[in-house]
Structures are given as C-alpha cells and as structure tokens.
Amino acid sequence: MKQLSYLFFLLILLKKESQTLASLKVKLMCTVRLATIVQDHLYPMCKVIRNRWAELDNFPMLVQRKCFVDVETPTLFRRTPGGAKEFVVPSHYPGQFYSLPQSPQQFKQLLMVGGLDRYFQIARCYRDESIKMDRQPEFTQVDIELSFTTQEEVRHLVEELINRSWPVDKGQITPPFPVITYEQAMNDYGIDKPDTRFDLKLVDISEETRGSGFKLFDDILTKEHGKVVAIRLPKTKKPAVIKVDKGKWESPLSKHLSEEVKEKLNKKLQIEDGDLVFMAAGEHYTPLFNDMYMYLNLTGIYEVKLQDPTKHHFLWVIDFPMFLPKEDPEVGGSEVESAHHPFTAPHPEDQHLIYTHPMKVRSQHYDLVLNGNEIGGGSIRIHNSELQRYVIENILKEDSSELEHLLEALSYGAPPHGGIALGLDRLLAIICEASSIRDVIAFPKSAEGKDHMSEAPSEISDKDLELYHIQVKK
C-alpha cells in the first residue's frame, strides 16, 4: 500500500536525520508530514479494516446457523475453459502449469455431488484482467452453494444475510428486494445493473425518428436490434444534447430533424421549456446506453441532483440470456460466449431451444445490484453431464477434456444445485463510501496491477527460471 510505503520511508528518514544531527527544520517538516499521513490515510484505513473484519465475522456466524459448512478449497488448480483470463503458476514438471482459480466454482459443485449439501467459504479469487475502478487481480468473495434449491431460496438467504449484517448507521434496508428481468433492465435503463435511486427511464423513440432523414438514426434502425432512445432531465440550466427554450430546440441535432419529428418527440417525451434531452442510437447488445448513464452520473455539470448518496437501493436482476455474441470471435472458434459462466443452467421454459436456437435461451442466472453496482452473482447450475458437455463442446466450442473430472462427477447423479458469490470488496466500498475497492483492501494493487511497496511483480534469477523450465523472451 502506497501510504504505508511513505510511512516506512519517513520513519527511516527521521532515524537517519537524528543520527547525523541534521537540521531541526528538516526533522520538523518530516514529523508534520508523518502526522498528516497518519491522520489522512492510516486512521481511515484502520477504520475500514475494522469494518471489513466485522463483516467477515458476521457472515460465517450467520450461515453456520443455517447448517452451512465452511470448506477451504485449493488455490492451485488447472485452467477453466470459457471464463475469465487466469494467472498461471509454473511447476517443476516441464511445460506444465497450475492456474489460480477465478472462483471456487468447480470445487463447490463437486462438493454438491459428494453429498455436502450446504457449502460456504470466504474465498480468495484471482483474475488476470485489466484493472478498473471496481476490480483487482485478487479479491474476496462470500461463496455459497446448496443442493435441491431454487432461485427464490437463494435470493431469500442472501437478503437475510445482508439485512442481519447491515451497519446500523447506514439506515434500514427492507427485504425482499425488488426483482426485474434482464429484458426489463435493458429496456428501461439500457444497462443490466441500473441505479434505481433515481427514476429516469429510457424512452424508445424509434418509431418517432424512423425515416427522419438523420443518417445515424436511419442506419441504426435498419438493423435487427437497432433502436433510438432518449431520457428527459427536467428544468436544467446548462445545455447538452438538446435544450428546449421557449418551445425551440437548441442543439446541432435540430437541423437534422423535421418539425414534424420534433413535435412527435415533444409529445412522446413530454418536453417542457428548460428540459434537457439525451439521445442515443445503437444495437441491443452494444454498450451505447452505458455512455448515456455515464453522462447522467456526471450530472453535477448540469446542476441536477439525481441520486441521494445516503440511500441504498438493492435490486435483483434475473432471466439473463444464457449466451452473448463474442466481441472478438476467433477464426474457427465459437461466435458466442457464456453471459455468466458455462455451468449456468438454462431456464426451464427455454431448455428445448438450446439445441436449435441457443441465442434465444434465457438462463437461471441472477445478479444482486446495489446503487448501480453488481455486488453478487449466482445461478442454478447444470447438473446433467450430457447437457454440460453439449454446452462446452457444441456451443462454446471449448475443449471438454479440461473439465473431464467435473463431467465424470456429474454423470454419477448430481443433485440439482445452485448458489451465489457476493463481492465483499465491492460491498464494503459502497458501505464505506469509497470511490474504489482499492480503498477497502489493506494491500491493493495499482491501476497497472503492481504492488509499489514491494515492487511486485519482479524478475527472478536465471537459476529459478531453469528450475521451472522457463525461458524469458526479451
């Protein structure tokens, strides 16, 4: 952690200065700087760590009352196909590597097959992905799995756990949490993890703008999933995409739309003087609507207060598609990928479509969203070996031999099972009002995935490289 690095540096500096009888001024400046670091960084961090410990202490106690068993699963494993990019660990066997698990997913399913019907773990997970505000290469999740369960039972269990462990000073939360489908979320908010603290929903204006003569809109609306949407912000003071003043549109877009189209939009959006209108056009599976909500999250520049930072709105999103188109499909490979992971079961009403129209299949995946942040995700799993093999080989076009141990276990007769993983770091960041999960982790990695205190990752000696049969290209 960078703050601790500063602290160690200043302590060493102070020691050296006293030994060499350096000027009092330098020592005084260092002492003041040290006190500032302790007050501004270390005290708040200590408070966060204590909050983290309190949450970690709460969850095991609560689930053990419901007969869950805390099982510690291995950290050294093998590659999981069809998921996130994984870190690899060399072994003494030439050309053979371990992988650090991105989650204990396979282990907890194997436990269900073995008859341990209620599993729980505070699990360390690893993903070799680009670091964003809400991600770290190593993170902690509250991992839960149980046999003979349903989506409703898992959701009820999680709501009870969160309600019982929720900090008193953060206000009361009231389960059950609202539930909407993925299709509803995309149609109303344009994103699968909406922030429902404000009730601004997308309005589909595709029909009103069809044939408008504006090339961007016309081109998008010729595509299968193309649509044009808008959001109206009432009574704003600064202009953006469209500002309405005394019935006139103030926007570069105005000249591309006829008066007839403008009148239709005025009626559909109920536009009044002083209103601000955002518009976006794109296809259903593109993240264009995310951009619109990014602008809405920056609405301080428009002097509009949309969210109440003191409120905490939980929301379940269900009925996700089972598969999504790959953004960069490989030549000869599958053009689709799992929306969640390859072990998610299809929706019972859509299971027959998996062999003919897999892109139309909904899954039994569910996400828990808090203030626009996904803090948990889970699903009912595939417990049939033949169906699991078909998904991996025929739809995802992955090598099933990487999962032969799991497929064999499922063939012995696995019980129906499901579960969820709650992102502890993300949940704590929201509770502590931190801007990033890095602020609630004692020794986080930087935006580049490095530890600046120890300077990891670092080079190793030629002797160690030879021991692990590794050659480094420079």
Protein backbone atom coordinates (compact mmCIF):
# COMPACT_ATOMS: atom_id res chain seq x y z
CA MET A 1 0.00 0.00 0.00
CA LYS A 2 1.44 3.33 -1.10
CA GLN A 3 0.56 5.11 2.17
CA LEU A 4 2.47 2.52 4.21
CA SER A 5 5.45 2.88 1.86
CA TYR A 6 5.51 6.62 2.60
CA LEU A 7 5.34 5.88 6.32
CA PHE A 8 8.26 3.44 6.27
CA PHE A 9 10.31 5.87 4.18
CA LEU A 10 9.68 8.76 6.58
CA LEU A 11 10.50 6.66 9.65
CA ILE A 12 13.84 5.68 8.11
CA LEU A 13 14.47 9.31 7.12
CA LEU A 14 13.76 10.55 10.63
CA LYS A 15 16.10 7.94 12.09
CA LYS A 16 18.92 8.90 9.72
CA GLU A 17 18.43 12.61 10.35
CA SER A 18 18.66 12.16 14.11
CA GLN A 19 21.82 10.08 13.75
CA THR A 20 23.51 12.73 11.61
CA LEU A 21 22.18 15.66 13.68
CA ALA A 22 20.64 17.24 10.60
CA SER A 23 18.79 20.48 10.78
CA LEU A 24 15.80 20.77 13.08
CA LYS A 25 13.80 22.25 10.22
CA VAL A 26 14.07 19.08 8.10
CA LYS A 27 13.08 16.88 11.04
CA LEU A 28 10.15 19.12 11.86
CA MET A 29 8.88 19.04 8.26
CA CYS A 30 9.17 15.26 8.20
CA THR A 31 7.35 14.95 11.51
CA VAL A 32 4.50 17.16 10.29
CA ARG A 33 4.30 15.15 7.03
CA LEU A 34 4.26 11.90 9.00
CA ALA A 35 1.46 13.16 11.24
CA THR A 36 -0.52 14.24 8.18
CA ILE A 37 -0.17 10.80 6.55
CA VAL A 38 -1.27 9.06 9.76
CA GLN A 39 -4.28 11.32 10.14
CA ASP A 40 -5.37 11.43 6.48
CA HIS A 41 -4.62 7.88 5.38
CA LEU A 42 -3.75 5.39 8.10
CA TYR A 43 -6.50 6.20 10.61
CA PRO A 44 -9.27 5.98 7.94
CA MET A 45 -7.68 2.80 6.57
CA CYS A 46 -7.62 1.23 10.04
CA LYS A 47 -11.33 2.03 10.38
CA VAL A 48 -12.03 0.39 7.01
CA ILE A 49 -10.06 -2.71 8.00
CA ARG A 50 -12.05 -2.96 11.23
CA ASN A 51 -15.30 -2.65 9.24
CA ARG A 52 -14.05 -5.37 6.91
CA TRP A 53 -13.26 -7.64 9.85
CA ALA A 54 -16.73 -7.03 11.30
CA GLU A 55 -18.37 -8.10 8.02
CA LEU A 56 -16.07 -11.14 7.72
CA ASP A 57 -17.01 -12.09 11.27
CA ASN A 58 -20.75 -11.66 10.63
CA PHE A 59 -21.18 -13.79 7.52
CA PRO A 60 -19.71 -17.11 8.82
CA MET A 61 -21.69 -16.83 12.05
CA LEU A 62 -24.95 -16.23 10.16
CA VAL A 63 -24.57 -19.05 7.60
CA GLN A 64 -23.34 -21.59 10.16
CA ARG A 65 -26.66 -21.13 11.98
CA LYS A 66 -28.28 -22.48 8.82
CA CYS A 67 -26.09 -25.62 8.82
CA PHE A 68 -23.64 -24.48 6.13
CA VAL A 69 -20.15 -25.98 6.31
CA ASP A 70 -17.08 -23.77 5.81
CA VAL A 71 -14.84 -25.62 3.33
CA GLU A 72 -11.43 -24.31 2.26
CA THR A 73 -10.82 -25.10 -1.41
CA PRO A 74 -7.43 -25.28 -3.21
CA THR A 75 -5.65 -22.25 -4.66
CA LEU A 76 -3.53 -24.23 -7.14
CA PHE A 77 -5.78 -25.76 -9.80
CA ARG A 78 -5.98 -26.09 -13.57
CA ARG A 79 -7.35 -23.87 -16.33
CA THR A 80 -11.12 -23.38 -16.53
CA PRO A 81 -12.31 -23.00 -20.14
CA GLY A 82 -14.88 -20.42 -21.14
CA GLY A 83 -14.26 -18.00 -18.30
CA ALA A 84 -12.06 -15.05 -17.39
CA LYS A 85 -8.33 -14.97 -18.07
CA GLU A 86 -6.42 -16.75 -15.31
CA PHE A 87 -2.99 -16.37 -13.73
CA VAL A 88 -0.65 -19.32 -14.35
CA VAL A 89 1.85 -20.74 -11.86
CA PRO A 90 4.87 -22.76 -13.05
CA SER A 91 5.59 -26.22 -11.65
CA HIS A 92 8.64 -28.50 -11.53
CA TYR A 93 7.13 -30.52 -14.37
CA PRO A 94 8.40 -29.22 -17.74
CA GLY A 95 5.69 -27.39 -19.70
CA GLN A 96 3.01 -27.94 -17.04
CA PHE A 97 1.39 -25.11 -15.12
CA TYR A 98 -1.16 -24.57 -12.40
CA SER A 99 -3.84 -21.89 -12.70
CA LEU A 100 -5.08 -19.72 -9.86
CA PRO A 101 -8.86 -20.24 -9.71
CA GLN A 102 -11.03 -17.30 -10.75
CA SER A 103 -13.60 -18.70 -8.31
CA PRO A 104 -14.20 -21.98 -6.41
CA GLN A 105 -16.99 -22.79 -8.90
CA GLN A 106 -15.95 -26.34 -9.81
CA PHE A 107 -15.00 -27.26 -6.26
CA LYS A 108 -18.35 -26.27 -4.80
CA GLN A 109 -20.21 -28.21 -7.49
CA LEU A 110 -18.07 -31.26 -6.73
CA LEU A 111 -18.95 -30.88 -3.06
CA MET A 112 -22.65 -30.99 -4.00
CA VAL A 113 -22.04 -34.21 -5.95
CA GLY A 114 -20.19 -35.63 -2.92
CA GLY A 115 -23.16 -35.10 -0.63
CA LEU A 116 -22.10 -31.93 1.22
CA ASP A 117 -25.33 -30.13 0.52
CA ARG A 118 -24.56 -26.72 2.11
CA TYR A 119 -21.17 -25.12 1.44
CA PHE A 120 -19.79 -21.74 2.46
CA GLN A 121 -16.41 -20.01 2.17
CA ILE A 122 -14.77 -16.57 2.37
CA ALA A 123 -12.84 -17.25 -0.83
CA ARG A 124 -9.82 -15.60 -2.40
CA CYS A 125 -10.17 -15.35 -6.17
CA TYR A 126 -7.83 -14.32 -8.99
CA ARG A 127 -8.42 -12.90 -12.46
CA ASP A 128 -5.81 -11.64 -14.89
CA GLU A 129 -7.91 -8.83 -16.31
CA SER A 130 -7.43 -5.14 -16.93
CA ILE A 131 -7.98 -3.31 -13.66
CA LYS A 132 -10.96 -0.98 -13.46
CA MET A 133 -12.35 1.07 -10.60
CA ASP A 134 -14.26 -1.90 -9.23
CA ARG A 135 -11.73 -4.68 -9.94
CA GLN A 136 -8.49 -6.04 -8.56
CA PRO A 137 -6.41 -9.01 -9.77
CA GLU A 138 -7.06 -10.71 -6.40
CA PHE A 139 -10.27 -10.20 -4.49
CA THR A 140 -12.50 -11.75 -1.84
CA GLN A 141 -15.98 -13.14 -2.26
CA VAL A 142 -18.55 -14.69 0.05
CA ASP A 143 -19.18 -18.02 -1.66
CA ILE A 144 -22.36 -20.04 -1.07
CA GLU A 145 -23.74 -23.23 -2.68
CA LEU A 146 -26.61 -25.56 -1.71
CA SER A 147 -28.38 -28.59 -3.15
CA PHE A 148 -32.07 -29.00 -4.01
CA THR A 149 -32.60 -25.25 -4.08
CA THR A 150 -34.33 -22.62 -6.17
CA GLN A 151 -33.56 -19.06 -7.25
CA GLU A 152 -36.12 -17.78 -4.75
CA GLU A 153 -34.49 -19.67 -1.85
CA VAL A 154 -31.01 -18.34 -2.72
CA ARG A 155 -32.32 -14.78 -3.01
CA HIS A 156 -34.14 -15.05 0.33
CA LEU A 157 -31.00 -16.41 2.03
CA VAL A 158 -28.82 -13.57 0.70
CA GLU A 159 -31.37 -10.93 1.69
CA GLU A 160 -31.43 -12.29 5.22
CA LEU A 161 -27.61 -12.34 5.44
CA ILE A 162 -27.26 -8.76 4.22
CA ASN A 163 -30.10 -7.48 6.38
CA ARG A 164 -28.64 -9.04 9.54
CA SER A 165 -25.10 -7.79 8.84
CA TRP A 166 -26.02 -4.32 7.52
CA PRO A 167 -24.42 -1.47 9.56
CA VAL A 168 -26.96 0.28 11.79
CA ASP A 169 -25.61 3.75 10.93
CA LYS A 170 -26.30 3.19 7.21
CA GLY A 171 -30.06 3.18 7.62
CA GLN A 172 -32.59 0.41 7.46
CA ILE A 173 -32.98 -1.88 4.46
CA THR A 174 -36.20 -3.74 3.83
CA PRO A 175 -36.19 -7.17 2.17
CA PRO A 176 -37.48 -8.60 -0.04
CA PHE A 177 -35.57 -6.62 -2.64
CA PRO A 178 -37.29 -5.69 -5.94
CA VAL A 179 -36.86 -8.14 -8.84
CA ILE A 180 -36.76 -7.24 -12.54
CA THR A 181 -35.79 -9.23 -15.62
CA TYR A 182 -32.73 -8.56 -17.75
CA GLU A 183 -35.03 -7.52 -20.60
CA GLN A 184 -36.79 -5.01 -18.35
CA ALA A 185 -33.46 -3.61 -17.16
CA MET A 186 -32.15 -3.14 -20.69
CA ASN A 187 -35.38 -1.62 -21.99
CA ASP A 188 -35.89 0.75 -19.06
CA TYR A 189 -32.29 1.63 -18.18
CA GLY A 190 -30.09 0.37 -21.03
CA ILE A 191 -27.82 -1.44 -18.56
CA ASP A 192 -28.08 -4.70 -16.62
CA LYS A 193 -27.12 -3.12 -13.27
CA PRO A 194 -29.27 0.00 -13.02
CA ASP A 195 -29.06 2.56 -10.25
CA THR A 196 -32.67 2.84 -9.10
CA ARG A 197 -32.10 5.73 -6.70
CA PHE A 198 -33.46 7.93 -9.48
CA ASP A 199 -36.40 7.03 -11.66
CA LEU A 200 -35.16 8.18 -15.06
CA LYS A 201 -36.05 5.51 -17.59
CA LEU A 202 -35.21 5.27 -21.27
CA VAL A 203 -38.00 6.10 -23.69
CA ASP A 204 -37.96 4.23 -27.01
CA ILE A 205 -38.35 6.84 -29.77
CA SER A 206 -37.54 4.52 -32.68
CA GLU A 207 -40.92 4.94 -34.37
CA GLU A 208 -40.92 8.72 -33.91
CA THR A 209 -37.47 9.06 -35.54
CA ARG A 210 -37.88 6.38 -38.23
CA GLY A 211 -37.47 7.99 -41.66
CA SER A 212 -36.36 11.28 -40.10
CA GLY A 213 -33.61 11.72 -42.67
CA PHE A 214 -30.91 11.82 -39.98
CA LYS A 215 -28.37 9.27 -41.29
CA LEU A 216 -27.23 7.98 -37.90
CA PHE A 217 -30.77 7.16 -36.80
CA ASP A 218 -31.83 5.79 -40.19
CA ASP A 219 -28.81 3.45 -40.43
CA ILE A 220 -29.27 2.09 -36.92
CA LEU A 221 -32.99 1.44 -37.39
CA THR A 222 -32.33 -0.79 -40.42
CA LYS A 223 -30.56 -3.29 -38.14
CA GLU A 224 -32.34 -6.15 -36.38
CA HIS A 225 -31.84 -4.87 -32.83
CA GLY A 226 -31.38 -1.20 -33.71
CA LYS A 227 -33.23 1.39 -31.67
CA VAL A 228 -33.17 5.06 -30.71
CA VAL A 229 -33.84 6.03 -27.11
CA ALA A 230 -33.97 9.21 -25.07
CA ILE A 231 -34.01 10.48 -21.49
CA ARG A 232 -35.51 13.78 -20.38
CA LEU A 233 -33.97 15.73 -17.50
CA PRO A 234 -36.42 18.33 -16.22
CA LYS A 235 -35.51 22.01 -15.72
CA THR A 236 -31.74 22.04 -16.25
CA LYS A 237 -29.65 25.20 -16.55
CA LYS A 238 -26.84 24.20 -18.90
CA PRO A 239 -27.14 22.86 -22.46
CA ALA A 240 -26.06 19.46 -23.73
CA VAL A 241 -27.57 17.30 -26.49
CA ILE A 242 -30.94 19.06 -26.76
CA LYS A 243 -32.08 22.03 -24.70
CA VAL A 244 -35.62 23.33 -25.09
CA ASP A 245 -36.17 27.06 -24.59
CA LYS A 246 -39.49 28.74 -25.34
CA GLY A 247 -40.56 25.78 -27.44
CA LYS A 248 -37.41 25.86 -29.63
CA TRP A 249 -34.77 23.15 -29.77
CA GLU A 250 -31.22 24.40 -29.11
CA SER A 251 -28.97 21.68 -30.50
CA PRO A 252 -26.78 20.84 -33.53
CA LEU A 253 -29.13 17.87 -33.94
CA SER A 254 -32.08 20.19 -34.51
CA LYS A 255 -31.25 20.90 -38.15
CA HIS A 256 -31.33 17.17 -38.95
CA LEU A 257 -34.88 16.66 -37.70
CA SER A 258 -38.05 17.99 -39.26
CA GLU A 259 -40.60 19.99 -37.30
CA GLU A 260 -42.96 17.03 -37.54
CA VAL A 261 -40.40 14.71 -35.89
CA LYS A 262 -39.69 17.30 -33.19
CA GLU A 263 -43.38 17.61 -32.45
CA LYS A 264 -43.70 13.83 -32.13
CA LEU A 265 -40.75 13.78 -29.71
CA ASN A 266 -42.16 16.69 -27.71
CA LYS A 267 -45.35 14.72 -27.24
CA LYS A 268 -43.69 11.33 -26.56
CA LEU A 269 -41.16 12.71 -24.05
CA GLN A 270 -43.49 15.40 -22.61
CA ILE A 271 -40.77 18.00 -23.15
CA GLU A 272 -41.20 21.38 -21.46
CA ASP A 273 -39.22 24.61 -21.51
CA GLY A 274 -35.92 24.25 -19.67
CA ASP A 275 -35.74 20.47 -20.13
CA LEU A 276 -32.62 18.65 -21.29
CA VAL A 277 -32.85 15.58 -23.55
CA PHE A 278 -30.18 12.92 -24.05
CA MET A 279 -30.42 10.66 -27.11
CA ALA A 280 -28.56 7.51 -28.10
CA ALA A 281 -28.81 5.12 -31.03
CA GLY A 282 -27.36 1.64 -31.36
CA GLU A 283 -27.96 -2.08 -31.30
CA HIS A 284 -29.33 -4.06 -28.40
CA TYR A 285 -26.11 -5.81 -27.41
CA THR A 286 -23.80 -2.80 -27.70
CA PRO A 287 -22.90 -0.76 -24.60
CA LEU A 288 -24.02 2.54 -26.13
CA PHE A 289 -26.63 3.12 -23.44
CA ASN A 290 -23.90 2.81 -20.80
CA ASP A 291 -22.47 6.02 -22.22
CA MET A 292 -25.77 7.78 -21.63
CA TYR A 293 -25.82 6.70 -18.00
CA MET A 294 -22.19 7.76 -17.66
CA TYR A 295 -23.34 11.27 -18.61
CA LEU A 296 -26.18 11.03 -16.11
CA ASN A 297 -23.70 10.10 -13.38
CA LEU A 298 -21.89 13.34 -14.15
CA THR A 299 -24.98 15.48 -14.00
CA GLY A 300 -23.38 17.80 -11.48
CA ILE A 301 -22.28 19.83 -14.50
CA TYR A 302 -25.97 20.24 -15.38
CA GLU A 303 -26.81 21.27 -11.83
CA VAL A 304 -29.24 18.36 -11.47
CA LYS A 305 -29.19 16.13 -8.40
CA LEU A 306 -30.31 12.66 -9.45
CA GLN A 307 -29.08 10.36 -6.69
CA ASP A 308 -29.31 10.58 -2.94
CA PRO A 309 -25.90 9.29 -1.72
CA THR A 310 -27.40 8.36 1.66
CA LYS A 311 -29.85 5.87 0.13
CA HIS A 312 -29.11 2.24 -0.62
CA HIS A 313 -31.27 0.60 -3.28
CA PHE A 314 -30.92 -3.16 -3.71
CA LEU A 315 -32.26 -4.87 -6.83
CA TRP A 316 -32.31 -8.42 -8.22
CA VAL A 317 -31.89 -8.83 -11.99
CA ILE A 318 -32.97 -12.24 -13.33
CA ASP A 319 -33.54 -14.11 -16.62
CA PHE A 320 -30.25 -13.15 -18.26
CA PRO A 321 -29.54 -14.53 -21.73
CA MET A 322 -27.54 -17.73 -21.50
CA PHE A 323 -25.16 -16.70 -24.30
CA LEU A 324 -23.98 -13.41 -25.81
CA PRO A 325 -22.13 -12.70 -29.07
CA LYS A 326 -18.36 -12.55 -28.67
CA GLU A 327 -16.88 -9.11 -29.23
CA ASP A 328 -13.77 -10.55 -30.93
CA PRO A 329 -14.54 -14.11 -32.11
CA GLU A 330 -11.55 -16.24 -33.07
CA VAL A 331 -11.30 -17.73 -36.56
CA GLY A 332 -12.82 -21.23 -36.46
CA GLY A 333 -13.94 -20.76 -32.85
CA SER A 334 -17.31 -20.07 -31.31
CA GLU A 335 -19.01 -16.77 -32.05
CA VAL A 336 -20.75 -16.81 -28.68
CA GLU A 337 -19.69 -16.85 -25.04
CA SER A 338 -21.43 -17.55 -21.76
CA ALA A 339 -23.15 -14.48 -20.34
CA HIS A 340 -22.23 -15.69 -16.83
CA HIS A 341 -20.17 -18.89 -16.94
CA PRO A 342 -20.51 -22.25 -18.76
CA PHE A 343 -22.03 -24.03 -15.75
CA THR A 344 -25.21 -21.91 -15.64
CA ALA A 345 -28.41 -23.87 -16.27
CA PRO A 346 -30.93 -22.83 -18.95
CA HIS A 347 -34.35 -21.50 -17.98
CA PRO A 348 -36.74 -24.49 -17.80
CA GLU A 349 -39.09 -22.87 -20.35
CA ASP A 350 -36.23 -22.43 -22.86
CA GLN A 351 -34.24 -25.63 -22.43
CA HIS A 352 -35.59 -27.15 -25.67
CA LEU A 353 -34.16 -24.18 -27.61
CA ILE A 354 -30.60 -24.88 -26.58
CA TYR A 355 -30.18 -27.42 -29.37
CA THR A 356 -31.74 -25.27 -32.10
CA HIS A 357 -31.64 -21.56 -31.13
CA PRO A 358 -29.14 -21.17 -28.26
CA MET A 359 -29.10 -17.36 -28.57
CA LYS A 360 -32.79 -17.29 -27.60
CA VAL A 361 -32.25 -19.23 -24.37
CA ARG A 362 -32.64 -17.45 -21.06
CA SER A 363 -30.53 -18.69 -18.16
CA GLN A 364 -31.17 -19.23 -14.47
CA HIS A 365 -28.62 -16.56 -13.62
CA TYR A 366 -29.34 -13.76 -11.15
CA ASP A 367 -27.39 -10.66 -10.08
CA LEU A 368 -27.70 -8.57 -6.94
CA VAL A 369 -27.28 -4.86 -7.68
CA LEU A 370 -26.71 -2.07 -5.14
CA ASN A 371 -26.81 1.57 -6.30
CA GLY A 372 -25.79 0.63 -9.82
CA ASN A 373 -23.02 -1.78 -8.75
CA GLU A 374 -23.15 -5.54 -9.18
CA ILE A 375 -22.30 -6.87 -5.71
CA GLY A 376 -23.23 -10.50 -6.29
CA GLY A 377 -23.95 -13.02 -8.99
CA GLY A 378 -25.15 -16.58 -8.97
CA SER A 379 -27.17 -19.20 -10.78
CA ILE A 380 -28.80 -22.58 -10.70
CA ARG A 381 -26.18 -24.92 -12.21
CA ILE A 382 -26.29 -27.55 -14.94
CA HIS A 383 -26.36 -30.88 -13.09
CA ASN A 384 -26.74 -33.09 -16.16
CA SER A 385 -23.43 -34.34 -17.57
CA GLU A 386 -24.63 -34.69 -21.18
CA LEU A 387 -26.13 -31.18 -21.27
CA GLN A 388 -22.96 -29.71 -19.75
CA ARG A 389 -20.80 -31.46 -22.34
CA TYR A 390 -23.04 -30.24 -25.17
CA VAL A 391 -22.78 -26.62 -23.99
CA ILE A 392 -18.99 -26.77 -23.73
CA GLU A 393 -18.28 -28.65 -26.96
CA ASN A 394 -21.07 -27.69 -29.38
CA ILE A 395 -21.98 -24.13 -28.37
CA LEU A 396 -18.86 -22.67 -26.75
CA LYS A 397 -16.55 -24.90 -28.83
CA GLU A 398 -14.16 -25.42 -25.92
CA ASP A 399 -12.01 -28.47 -25.15
CA SER A 400 -14.12 -30.53 -22.74
CA SER A 401 -11.09 -32.59 -21.63
CA GLU A 402 -10.17 -29.64 -19.38
CA LEU A 403 -13.35 -30.39 -17.43
CA GLU A 404 -13.45 -34.17 -17.65
CA HIS A 405 -13.22 -34.53 -13.86
CA LEU A 406 -16.38 -32.42 -13.40
CA LEU A 407 -18.26 -34.07 -16.27
CA GLU A 408 -17.49 -37.51 -14.84
CA ALA A 409 -18.67 -36.43 -11.39
CA LEU A 410 -21.94 -35.07 -12.80
CA SER A 411 -22.53 -38.38 -14.63
CA TYR A 412 -22.73 -40.21 -11.28
CA GLY A 413 -26.00 -38.45 -10.49
CA ALA A 414 -25.64 -34.92 -9.21
CA PRO A 415 -28.43 -33.26 -7.23
CA PRO A 416 -29.92 -30.03 -8.61
CA HIS A 417 -27.92 -27.23 -7.03
CA GLY A 418 -27.21 -23.52 -7.17
CA GLY A 419 -25.57 -20.70 -5.30
CA ILE A 420 -24.14 -17.22 -5.37
CA ALA A 421 -20.93 -15.27 -4.82
CA LEU A 422 -21.06 -11.87 -3.12
CA GLY A 423 -18.22 -9.44 -3.85
CA LEU A 424 -17.09 -8.49 -0.36
CA ASP A 425 -14.71 -5.73 -1.53
CA ARG A 426 -17.35 -4.05 -3.66
CA LEU A 427 -19.99 -4.24 -0.92
CA LEU A 428 -17.61 -2.71 1.61
CA ALA A 429 -16.60 0.06 -0.79
CA ILE A 430 -20.24 1.14 -1.03
CA ILE A 431 -20.79 0.87 2.73
CA CYS A 432 -17.63 2.92 3.41
CA GLU A 433 -18.48 5.39 0.61
CA ALA A 434 -15.13 4.67 -1.07
CA SER A 435 -14.61 5.56 -4.72
CA SER A 436 -12.77 2.30 -5.46
CA ILE A 437 -12.44 -1.16 -3.96
CA ARG A 438 -8.72 -0.38 -3.65
CA ASP A 439 -9.67 1.86 -0.72
CA VAL A 440 -11.06 -1.04 1.31
CA ILE A 441 -8.20 -3.51 0.70
CA ALA A 442 -5.21 -3.37 3.05
CA PHE A 443 -2.58 -4.02 0.37
CA PRO A 444 -4.19 -3.32 -3.01
CA LYS A 445 -2.56 -3.39 -6.43
CA SER A 446 -2.18 -0.26 -8.51
CA ALA A 447 -4.10 0.53 -11.70
CA GLU A 448 -1.34 -1.34 -13.58
CA GLY A 449 -1.68 -4.41 -11.36
CA LYS A 450 1.56 -3.73 -9.46
CA ASP A 451 2.48 -3.58 -5.78
CA HIS A 452 4.59 -0.43 -5.48
CA MET A 453 5.61 -1.18 -1.90
CA SER A 454 7.37 -4.50 -2.70
CA GLU A 455 7.79 -3.73 -6.42
CA ALA A 456 5.96 -6.91 -7.40
CA PRO A 457 5.83 -8.46 -9.92
CA SER A 458 9.61 -8.71 -10.16
CA GLU A 459 12.21 -10.66 -12.10
CA ILE A 460 13.57 -13.94 -10.78
CA SER A 461 17.06 -15.35 -11.14
CA ASP A 462 18.24 -17.48 -14.06
CA LYS A 463 18.63 -20.35 -11.60
CA ASP A 464 14.93 -20.16 -10.65
CA LEU A 465 13.93 -19.87 -14.31
CA GLU A 466 15.91 -23.03 -15.06
CA LEU A 467 14.32 -24.83 -12.10
CA TYR A 468 10.86 -24.20 -13.59
CA HIS A 469 11.97 -24.87 -17.19
CA ILE A 470 11.11 -21.33 -18.29
CA GLN A 471 12.78 -19.13 -20.92
CA VAL A 472 12.02 -15.43 -20.98
CA LYS A 473 11.92 -13.56 -24.30
CA LYS A 474 13.39 -10.07 -24.06
